[in-house]
């Protein structure tokens, strides 16, 4: 599914960027999860 592939690539990029911040100690787990939810919702809204 091309739509799913578009979202997968986008979400993978967002996840890897934020996960790097989490691993570096710049985000705690709650901040990481909250930020990922916000970024995902915004990116999905932009893609539609």
N, C-alpha and C. Protein backbone atom coordinates (compact mmCIF):
# COMPACT_ATOMS: atom_id res chain seq x y z
N UNK A 1 0.84 -1.19 0.00
CA UNK A 1 0.00 0.00 0.00
C UNK A 1 0.89 1.25 0.00
N UNK A 2 0.81 2.07 -1.02
CA UNK A 2 1.65 3.27 -1.10
C UNK A 2 1.41 4.27 0.03
N UNK A 3 0.17 4.42 0.46
CA UNK A 3 -0.12 5.34 1.56
C UNK A 3 0.55 4.88 2.85
N UNK A 4 0.46 3.61 3.12
CA UNK A 4 1.09 3.05 4.32
C UNK A 4 2.60 3.22 4.25
N UNK A 5 3.17 3.01 3.09
CA UNK A 5 4.61 3.17 2.92
C UNK A 5 5.04 4.61 3.20
N UNK A 6 4.22 5.57 2.78
CA UNK A 6 4.54 6.98 3.03
C UNK A 6 4.54 7.26 4.53
N UNK A 7 3.52 6.79 5.23
CA UNK A 7 3.45 7.01 6.67
C UNK A 7 4.57 6.28 7.40
N UNK A 8 4.89 5.07 6.97
CA UNK A 8 5.92 4.29 7.63
C UNK A 8 7.26 5.01 7.56
N UNK A 9 7.62 5.49 6.39
CA UNK A 9 8.89 6.19 6.21
C UNK A 9 8.94 7.44 7.07
N UNK A 10 7.87 8.20 7.06
CA UNK A 10 7.78 9.43 7.83
C UNK A 10 7.88 9.14 9.32
N UNK A 11 7.13 8.16 9.80
CA UNK A 11 7.13 7.85 11.23
C UNK A 11 8.47 7.27 11.66
N UNK A 12 9.12 6.51 10.80
CA UNK A 12 10.44 5.97 11.14
C UNK A 12 11.44 7.10 11.33
N UNK A 13 11.39 8.09 10.46
CA UNK A 13 12.30 9.23 10.58
C UNK A 13 12.04 9.99 11.87
N UNK A 14 10.78 10.28 12.15
CA UNK A 14 10.44 10.98 13.40
C UNK A 14 10.87 10.18 14.62
N UNK A 15 10.61 8.88 14.60
CA UNK A 15 10.96 8.04 15.73
C UNK A 15 12.47 8.04 15.95
N UNK A 16 13.24 7.86 14.90
CA UNK A 16 14.69 7.75 15.07
C UNK A 16 15.28 9.05 15.59
N UNK A 17 14.77 10.19 15.13
CA UNK A 17 15.27 11.48 15.63
C UNK A 17 14.97 11.64 17.12
N UNK A 18 13.75 11.33 17.51
CA UNK A 18 13.36 11.51 18.91
C UNK A 18 13.99 10.45 19.82
N UNK A 19 14.16 9.25 19.30
CA UNK A 19 14.78 8.18 20.08
C UNK A 19 16.23 8.53 20.39
N UNK A 20 16.90 9.17 19.46
CA UNK A 20 18.27 9.63 19.69
C UNK A 20 18.31 10.61 20.85
N UNK A 21 17.36 11.53 20.90
CA UNK A 21 17.29 12.47 22.02
C UNK A 21 17.03 11.74 23.33
N UNK A 22 16.16 10.74 23.30
CA UNK A 22 15.86 9.95 24.49
C UNK A 22 17.11 9.23 24.98
N UNK A 23 17.83 8.59 24.07
CA UNK A 23 19.04 7.86 24.46
C UNK A 23 20.12 8.79 24.99
N UNK A 24 20.15 10.02 24.50
CA UNK A 24 21.14 10.99 24.95
C UNK A 24 20.76 11.61 26.30
N UNK A 25 19.58 11.26 26.81
CA UNK A 25 19.14 11.78 28.09
C UNK A 25 18.47 13.13 28.01
N UNK A 26 18.19 13.60 26.80
CA UNK A 26 17.54 14.90 26.64
C UNK A 26 16.03 14.82 26.83
N UNK A 27 15.47 13.61 26.77
CA UNK A 27 14.05 13.37 26.99
C UNK A 27 13.89 12.20 27.95
N UNK A 28 12.92 12.29 28.88
CA UNK A 28 12.60 11.11 29.67
C UNK A 28 11.56 10.30 28.89
N UNK A 29 11.21 9.13 29.38
CA UNK A 29 10.31 8.25 28.63
C UNK A 29 8.93 8.88 28.43
N UNK A 30 8.43 9.57 29.44
CA UNK A 30 7.12 10.22 29.30
C UNK A 30 7.17 11.32 28.25
N UNK A 31 8.23 12.11 28.27
CA UNK A 31 8.39 13.17 27.28
C UNK A 31 8.53 12.61 25.88
N UNK A 32 9.26 11.50 25.76
CA UNK A 32 9.45 10.85 24.47
C UNK A 32 8.12 10.38 23.90
N UNK A 33 7.34 9.69 24.71
CA UNK A 33 6.05 9.16 24.25
C UNK A 33 5.10 10.30 23.89
N UNK A 34 5.03 11.30 24.74
CA UNK A 34 4.13 12.43 24.47
C UNK A 34 4.53 13.15 23.18
N UNK A 35 5.82 13.39 23.02
CA UNK A 35 6.30 14.07 21.82
C UNK A 35 6.03 13.25 20.57
N UNK A 36 6.23 11.94 20.64
CA UNK A 36 5.98 11.09 19.48
C UNK A 36 4.50 11.11 19.10
N UNK A 37 3.62 11.10 20.09
CA UNK A 37 2.19 11.15 19.80
C UNK A 37 1.81 12.47 19.13
N UNK A 38 2.36 13.57 19.63
CA UNK A 38 2.07 14.87 19.05
C UNK A 38 2.61 14.99 17.63
N UNK A 39 3.86 14.57 17.43
CA UNK A 39 4.47 14.65 16.10
C UNK A 39 3.75 13.75 15.10
N UNK A 40 3.38 12.57 15.54
CA UNK A 40 2.68 11.64 14.65
C UNK A 40 1.33 12.21 14.23
N UNK A 41 0.58 12.73 15.17
CA UNK A 41 -0.73 13.30 14.85
C UNK A 41 -0.58 14.47 13.88
N UNK A 42 0.41 15.31 14.10
CA UNK A 42 0.62 16.47 13.23
C UNK A 42 1.04 16.03 11.82
N UNK A 43 1.93 15.07 11.74
CA UNK A 43 2.40 14.62 10.42
C UNK A 43 1.31 13.89 9.65
N UNK A 44 0.51 13.10 10.32
CA UNK A 44 -0.59 12.41 9.64
C UNK A 44 -1.62 13.42 9.15
N UNK A 45 -1.89 14.44 9.96
CA UNK A 45 -2.82 15.49 9.52
C UNK A 45 -2.27 16.22 8.30
N UNK A 46 -0.97 16.48 8.28
CA UNK A 46 -0.35 17.17 7.14
C UNK A 46 -0.37 16.31 5.88
N UNK A 47 -0.24 15.02 6.04
CA UNK A 47 -0.17 14.11 4.90
C UNK A 47 -1.54 13.89 4.25
N UNK A 48 -2.59 14.16 4.98
CA UNK A 48 -3.93 13.93 4.44
C UNK A 48 -4.35 15.07 3.64
